[in-house]
Amino acid sequence: MANPHHRAKHKQYLHNKHAAAQQHLHHERTTMATRKKTAVILAIVGGVMGFIVAYLANNENFVVMLAGAALGIAAGYLLGSSIDKSIDKKQ
């Protein structure tokens, strides 16, 4: 019959292995969530800012305001995705 202390060591080994795997999975989930949020948030902010700048530049010309919002969304998304890529490289 096996010694009881061998079983205790094996149980501790399995516990440590499981805890490390769970920590790794949690880190990947938080990284992915953060990565997606940065690009979306900056796209929304860029769209609002583009709309405001276009409104102030051309009084109530709706086509120009939509174009400004579209350019702001594109610029914000590109900036956010480049930030996300730089964060991924650091990790």
C-alpha atoms as a PDB file:
ATOM      1  CA  MET A   1       0.000   0.000   0.000  1.00  0.00           C
ATOM      2  CA  ALA A   2       1.227   3.525  -0.814  1.00  0.00           C
ATOM      3  CA  ASN A   3       2.438   5.855   1.888  1.00  0.00           C
ATOM      4  CA  PRO A   4      -0.112   8.556   2.889  1.00  0.00           C
ATOM      5  CA  HIS A   5       2.375  11.389   2.487  1.00  0.00           C
ATOM      6  CA  HIS A   6       2.745  10.572  -1.219  1.00  0.00           C
ATOM      7  CA  ARG A   7      -0.968  11.151  -1.727  1.00  0.00           C
ATOM      8  CA  ALA A   8      -0.800  14.507   0.064  1.00  0.00           C
ATOM      9  CA  LYS A   9       2.071  15.655  -2.148  1.00  0.00           C
ATOM     10  CA  HIS A  10       0.183  14.600  -5.270  1.00  0.00           C
ATOM     11  CA  LYS A  11      -2.955  16.438  -4.148  1.00  0.00           C
ATOM     12  CA  GLN A  12      -0.911  19.604  -3.535  1.00  0.00           C
ATOM     13  CA  TYR A  13       0.723  19.248  -6.972  1.00  0.00           C
ATOM     14  CA  LEU A  14      -2.674  18.943  -8.667  1.00  0.00           C
ATOM     15  CA  HIS A  15      -4.029  21.912  -6.720  1.00  0.00           C
ATOM     16  CA  ASN A  16      -1.100  24.125  -7.760  1.00  0.00           C
ATOM     17  CA  LYS A  17      -1.405  23.009 -11.385  1.00  0.00           C
ATOM     18  CA  HIS A  18      -5.128  23.770 -11.466  1.00  0.00           C
ATOM     19  CA  ALA A  19      -4.650  27.183  -9.825  1.00  0.00           C
ATOM     20  CA  ALA A  20      -1.995  28.149 -12.388  1.00  0.00           C
ATOM     21  CA  ALA A  21      -4.240  27.108 -15.281  1.00  0.00           C
ATOM     22  CA  GLN A  22      -7.174  29.105 -13.903  1.00  0.00           C
ATOM     23  CA  GLN A  23      -5.012  32.187 -13.422  1.00  0.00           C
ATOM     24  CA  HIS A  24      -3.772  31.914 -17.028  1.00  0.00           C
ATOM     25  CA  LEU A  25      -7.323  31.635 -18.379  1.00  0.00           C
ATOM     26  CA  HIS A  26      -8.470  34.615 -16.316  1.00  0.00           C
ATOM     27  CA  HIS A  27      -5.559  36.700 -17.621  1.00  0.00           C
ATOM     28  CA  GLU A  28      -6.399  35.866 -21.244  1.00  0.00           C
ATOM     29  CA  ARG A  29     -10.075  36.759 -20.768  1.00  0.00           C
ATOM     30  CA  THR A  30      -9.307  40.126 -19.173  1.00  0.00           C
ATOM     31  CA  THR A  31      -6.725  40.914 -21.850  1.00  0.00           C
ATOM     32  CA  MET A  32      -9.169  40.166 -24.663  1.00  0.00           C
ATOM     33  CA  ALA A  33     -11.906  42.217 -23.033  1.00  0.00           C
ATOM     34  CA  THR A  34      -9.581  45.169 -22.541  1.00  0.00           C
ATOM     35  CA  ARG A  35      -8.251  44.930 -26.050  1.00  0.00           C
ATOM     36  CA  LYS A  36     -11.690  45.118 -27.627  1.00  0.00           C
ATOM     37  CA  LYS A  37     -12.879  47.934 -25.399  1.00  0.00           C
ATOM     38  CA  THR A  38     -10.105  50.381 -26.247  1.00  0.00           C
ATOM     39  CA  ALA A  39     -10.809  50.423 -29.984  1.00  0.00           C
ATOM     40  CA  VAL A  40     -14.584  50.693 -29.532  1.00  0.00           C
ATOM     41  CA  ILE A  41     -14.411  53.447 -26.918  1.00  0.00           C
ATOM     42  CA  LEU A  42     -12.010  55.534 -28.996  1.00  0.00           C
ATOM     43  CA  ALA A  43     -14.177  55.008 -32.090  1.00  0.00           C
ATOM     44  CA  ILE A  44     -17.230  56.338 -30.226  1.00  0.00           C
ATOM     45  CA  VAL A  45     -15.309  59.310 -28.829  1.00  0.00           C
ATOM     46  CA  GLY A  46     -13.812  60.011 -32.253  1.00  0.00           C
ATOM     47  CA  GLY A  47     -17.236  59.932 -33.887  1.00  0.00           C
ATOM     48  CA  VAL A  48     -18.691  62.369 -31.383  1.00  0.00           C
ATOM     49  CA  MET A  49     -15.706  64.701 -31.678  1.00  0.00           C
ATOM     50  CA  GLY A  50     -15.799  64.553 -35.481  1.00  0.00           C
ATOM     51  CA  PHE A  51     -19.499  65.368 -35.434  1.00  0.00           C
ATOM     52  CA  ILE A  52     -18.939  68.352 -33.120  1.00  0.00           C
ATOM     53  CA  VAL A  53     -16.024  69.728 -35.154  1.00  0.00           C
ATOM     54  CA  ALA A  54     -17.989  69.380 -38.389  1.00  0.00           C
ATOM     55  CA  TYR A  55     -21.004  71.092 -36.796  1.00  0.00           C
ATOM     56  CA  LEU A  56     -18.892  74.024 -35.639  1.00  0.00           C
ATOM     57  CA  ALA A  57     -17.104  74.313 -38.988  1.00  0.00           C
ATOM     58  CA  ASN A  58     -20.246  74.194 -41.158  1.00  0.00           C
ATOM     59  CA  ASN A  59     -23.400  75.494 -39.543  1.00  0.00           C
ATOM     60  CA  GLU A  60     -26.027  72.761 -39.709  1.00  0.00           C
ATOM     61  CA  ASN A  61     -24.884  71.097 -42.944  1.00  0.00           C
ATOM     62  CA  PHE A  62     -25.961  67.540 -42.152  1.00  0.00           C
ATOM     63  CA  VAL A  63     -23.900  65.814 -44.861  1.00  0.00           C
ATOM     64  CA  VAL A  64     -20.700  67.425 -43.614  1.00  0.00           C
ATOM     65  CA  MET A  65     -21.556  66.476 -40.014  1.00  0.00           C
ATOM     66  CA  LEU A  66     -22.032  62.827 -41.024  1.00  0.00           C
ATOM     67  CA  ALA A  67     -18.755  62.856 -42.951  1.00  0.00           C
ATOM     68  CA  GLY A  68     -16.969  64.330 -39.929  1.00  0.00           C
ATOM     69  CA  ALA A  69     -18.477  61.682 -37.673  1.00  0.00           C
ATOM     70  CA  ALA A  70     -17.442  58.908 -40.081  1.00  0.00           C
ATOM     71  CA  LEU A  71     -13.874  60.210 -40.257  1.00  0.00           C
ATOM     72  CA  GLY A  72     -13.787  60.530 -36.465  1.00  0.00           C
ATOM     73  CA  ILE A  73     -15.001  56.957 -36.036  1.00  0.00           C
ATOM     74  CA  ALA A  74     -12.375  55.656 -38.448  1.00  0.00           C
ATOM     75  CA  ALA A  75      -9.570  57.649 -36.820  1.00  0.00           C
ATOM     76  CA  GLY A  76     -10.641  56.614 -33.309  1.00  0.00           C
ATOM     77  CA  TYR A  77     -10.866  52.952 -34.253  1.00  0.00           C
ATOM     78  CA  LEU A  78      -7.442  52.965 -35.919  1.00  0.00           C
ATOM     79  CA  LEU A  79      -5.880  54.713 -32.933  1.00  0.00           C
ATOM     80  CA  GLY A  80      -7.544  52.301 -30.515  1.00  0.00           C
ATOM     81  CA  SER A  81      -6.484  49.235 -32.456  1.00  0.00           C
ATOM     82  CA  SER A  82      -2.877  50.457 -32.586  1.00  0.00           C
ATOM     83  CA  ILE A  83      -2.968  50.946 -28.809  1.00  0.00           C
ATOM     84  CA  ASP A  84      -4.372  47.431 -28.440  1.00  0.00           C
ATOM     85  CA  LYS A  85      -1.572  45.997 -30.564  1.00  0.00           C
ATOM     86  CA  SER A  86       1.081  47.786 -28.523  1.00  0.00           C
ATOM     87  CA  ILE A  87      -0.460  46.427 -25.322  1.00  0.00           C
ATOM     88  CA  ASP A  88      -0.425  42.897 -26.779  1.00  0.00           C
ATOM     89  CA  LYS A  89       3.262  43.208 -27.681  1.00  0.00           C
ATOM     90  CA  LYS A  90       4.142  44.199 -24.126  1.00  0.00           C
ATOM     91  CA  GLN A  91       2.464  41.094 -22.735  1.00  0.00           C
END
